[in-house]
Protein backbone atom coordinates (compact mmCIF):
# COMPACT_ATOMS: atom_id res chain seq x y z
CA MET A 1 -0.22 -0.07 0.22
CA VAL A 2 3.16 2.08 0.87
CA ALA A 3 4.50 2.09 -2.08
CA LEU A 4 1.17 2.51 -4.27
CA VAL A 5 1.01 5.81 -2.52
CA PHE A 6 4.00 6.96 -3.18
CA THR A 7 4.66 6.13 -6.69
CA ALA A 8 0.78 7.75 -7.48
CA GLY A 9 1.19 10.79 -9.41
CA PRO A 10 -0.56 13.77 -7.93
CA ALA A 11 -4.32 14.14 -8.59
CA VAL A 12 -5.09 16.53 -11.03
CA ALA A 13 -7.97 18.98 -9.70
CA HIS A 14 -9.12 20.59 -13.02
CA THR A 15 -9.01 20.61 -16.91
CA GLU A 16 -6.46 23.32 -17.99
CA LEU A 17 -5.70 25.18 -21.59
CA ILE A 18 -2.38 24.06 -22.38
CA SER A 19 -2.20 26.05 -25.84
CA THR A 20 -4.18 27.91 -28.63
CA THR A 21 -3.88 29.01 -32.10
CA PRO A 22 -2.61 31.46 -32.55
CA ALA A 23 -0.93 31.66 -29.11
CA ASP A 24 -1.57 34.22 -26.64
CA GLN A 25 -0.22 37.77 -27.93
CA GLN A 26 1.10 36.19 -31.17
CA THR A 27 1.47 38.25 -34.17
CA VAL A 28 0.12 36.31 -37.23
CA GLY A 29 0.31 37.49 -41.19
CA ARG A 30 -3.66 37.56 -41.50
CA THR A 31 -6.43 37.09 -39.60
CA PRO A 32 -7.21 33.36 -39.13
CA ALA A 33 -9.73 31.63 -40.27
CA VAL A 34 -10.24 29.23 -37.35
CA VAL A 35 -9.41 29.45 -33.67
CA VAL A 36 -8.31 26.47 -32.02
CA LEU A 37 -8.04 25.91 -28.18
CA THR A 38 -6.60 22.61 -26.67
CA PHE A 39 -6.93 21.62 -22.98
CA ASP A 40 -4.93 18.76 -21.08
CA GLU A 41 -8.45 16.75 -20.91
CA SER A 42 -11.42 15.69 -22.53
CA LEU A 43 -14.52 18.66 -22.64
CA LEU A 44 -18.21 18.29 -22.84
CA ALA A 45 -19.83 20.13 -25.76
CA MET A 46 -22.53 21.70 -23.58
CA GLY A 47 -21.93 25.11 -22.50
CA THR A 48 -19.31 25.86 -24.87
CA GLN A 49 -19.23 29.32 -26.23
CA VAL A 50 -16.16 31.22 -28.05
CA VAL A 51 -16.12 35.04 -29.05
CA VAL A 52 -13.35 36.27 -30.90
CA THR A 53 -13.92 40.08 -31.11
CA GLY A 54 -11.67 42.20 -33.70
CA PRO A 55 -11.52 45.86 -34.78
CA GLU A 56 -14.90 46.12 -36.04
CA GLY A 57 -16.74 43.95 -33.89
CA PRO A 58 -17.08 39.98 -33.54
CA VAL A 59 -15.78 37.64 -36.26
CA GLN A 60 -16.96 34.20 -35.14
CA MET A 61 -19.02 32.15 -37.56
CA GLY A 62 -21.41 29.11 -36.20
CA ALA A 63 -21.46 27.23 -33.32
CA PRO A 64 -17.58 26.04 -31.86
CA ASP A 65 -16.70 22.63 -32.52
CA VAL A 66 -15.82 20.41 -29.90
CA ALA A 67 -13.48 17.19 -30.50
CA GLU A 68 -12.28 15.56 -27.20
CA THR A 69 -9.21 17.92 -26.08
CA LYS A 70 -9.70 20.35 -28.58
CA VAL A 71 -12.29 23.64 -29.23
CA SER A 72 -12.49 25.05 -32.99
CA GLN A 73 -14.12 27.92 -33.85
CA ASN A 74 -14.69 29.43 -37.16
CA LEU A 75 -14.10 32.88 -37.94
CA ARG A 76 -15.04 34.94 -40.99
CA GLY A 77 -13.05 37.38 -42.45
CA GLY A 78 -11.76 40.30 -40.32
CA PRO A 79 -9.40 43.78 -40.74
CA ALA A 80 -5.95 44.00 -39.66
CA GLY A 81 -5.68 44.60 -35.78
CA HIS A 82 -5.79 43.69 -32.43
CA TYR A 83 -8.69 40.60 -31.29
CA THR A 84 -9.34 39.02 -28.18
CA VAL A 85 -10.70 35.77 -27.85
CA ALA A 86 -12.98 34.85 -24.57
CA TRP A 87 -14.36 31.47 -24.27
CA ARG A 88 -16.17 29.17 -22.12
CA VAL A 89 -15.93 25.49 -21.78
CA THR A 90 -17.17 22.36 -19.68
CA ALA A 91 -14.74 19.96 -18.44
CA ALA A 92 -15.96 16.39 -18.60
CA ASP A 93 -16.23 16.26 -14.86
CA GLY A 94 -18.78 19.08 -15.04
CA HIS A 95 -16.64 22.11 -14.17
CA PRO A 96 -16.98 25.24 -16.04
CA LEU A 97 -13.78 26.94 -17.31
CA SER A 98 -13.25 30.70 -19.00
CA GLY A 99 -10.69 32.95 -20.14
CA THR A 100 -9.66 35.17 -22.65
CA PHE A 101 -6.29 35.70 -24.78
CA THR A 102 -5.21 38.07 -27.43
CA PHE A 103 -3.72 38.10 -30.73
CA THR A 104 -2.74 40.59 -33.54
CA ALA A 105 -3.65 40.06 -37.11
CA ALA A 106 -0.90 41.81 -39.58
CA ALA A 107 -3.25 41.73 -42.51
CA ALA A 108 -6.93 41.08 -43.08
CA GLY A 109 -8.01 37.38 -43.62
CA ASN A 110 -10.55 36.54 -46.24
CA GLY A 111 -12.00 33.70 -43.89
CA ALA A 112 -11.42 30.39 -45.72
CA ALA A 113 -12.13 27.61 -44.14
CA ALA A 114 -9.44 25.60 -42.46
CA THR A 115 -8.45 22.32 -43.03
CA VAL A 116 -8.51 19.47 -39.93
CA GLY A 117 -5.25 17.39 -39.98
CA PRO A 118 -5.74 13.60 -39.14
CA ASP A 119 -4.40 14.20 -35.81
CA GLU A 120 -6.39 16.90 -34.52
CA GLY A 121 -8.70 16.57 -31.91
CA GLN A 122 -7.22 12.87 -31.04
CA ASN A 123 -5.53 12.02 -27.76
CA SER A 124 -1.94 10.30 -28.27
CA GLY A 125 -2.13 6.64 -27.47
CA GLU A 126 0.63 7.59 -24.88
CA ASN A 127 -1.54 10.34 -22.76
CA ARG A 128 -4.58 7.82 -22.95
CA ALA A 129 -2.51 4.86 -21.59
CA SER A 130 -0.95 7.51 -18.90
CA THR A 131 -4.60 8.10 -17.85
CA GLY A 132 -5.83 4.74 -17.47
CA ARG A 133 -2.60 3.67 -15.72
CA SER A 134 -2.98 6.59 -12.95
CA THR A 135 -6.60 5.73 -12.83
CA TRP A 136 -5.71 2.35 -12.06
CA MET A 137 -2.96 3.29 -9.28
CA TRP A 138 -5.53 5.43 -7.52
CA LEU A 139 -7.85 2.45 -7.69
CA LEU A 140 -5.59 -0.18 -6.64
CA GLY A 141 -4.43 2.12 -3.64
CA GLY A 142 -7.99 2.95 -2.54
CA ILE A 143 -9.04 -0.77 -2.31
CA ALA A 144 -5.56 -1.06 -0.10
CA PHE A 145 -6.33 1.49 2.11
CA LEU A 146 -9.84 0.17 2.69
CA ALA A 147 -8.49 -3.37 3.15
CA VAL A 148 -6.20 -1.83 6.06
CA VAL A 149 -9.07 0.07 7.52
CA VAL A 150 -11.36 -2.68 7.93
CA ALA A 151 -8.88 -4.91 9.26
CA LEU A 152 -7.94 -2.88 11.94
CA THR A 153 -11.44 -1.66 12.87
CA ARG A 154 -12.35 -5.82 13.14
CA LYS A 155 -9.13 -5.96 15.50
CA LEU A 156 -9.82 -2.82 17.82
CA THR A 157 -13.74 -3.54 18.36
CA ARG A 158 -13.03 -7.44 19.01
CA ARG A 159 -14.11 -8.40 22.46
CA SER A 160 -11.72 -9.92 24.38
CA ASP A 161 -14.55 -11.87 26.12
CA LEU A 162 -15.48 -13.33 23.49
CA LEU A 163 -11.95 -15.48 22.98
CA PRO A 164 -11.61 -18.77 23.93
CA PRO A 165 -9.26 -19.16 27.02
CA SER A 166 -5.76 -19.42 26.63
């Protein structure tokens, strides 16, 4: 049991934003056709919003697309200038998350549809295995702890007058 406790990784309390495309405070050549937010854990589509505001107002088109750990928001063409992305998502555990980031477009974009690569929206096999291994370690550690608690409780609550004479 001690080995399980000391070898288990720390519990991750909440889902976190790990990257954005464009990156926060990045200057891009032209206004992008899509904004992508990548998180470290899976998301629920419920309540997802991405609002991209540029020099002439909002430029997002349609609803954001949620695929596992990625949220993509299509944009229509927009002028050169400073853009703010305000986002809200729901983690797989039901906790809402929100935040903002900014980028600057050096030139206007036409809002052409972006193509999604074959690996986008997919966790790597290594990440899936790591998450599964961590879950099993915590589960086995919990079972071992419970077994120790039950054994100690039985030993401490055992009545000595019920024991056979020695």
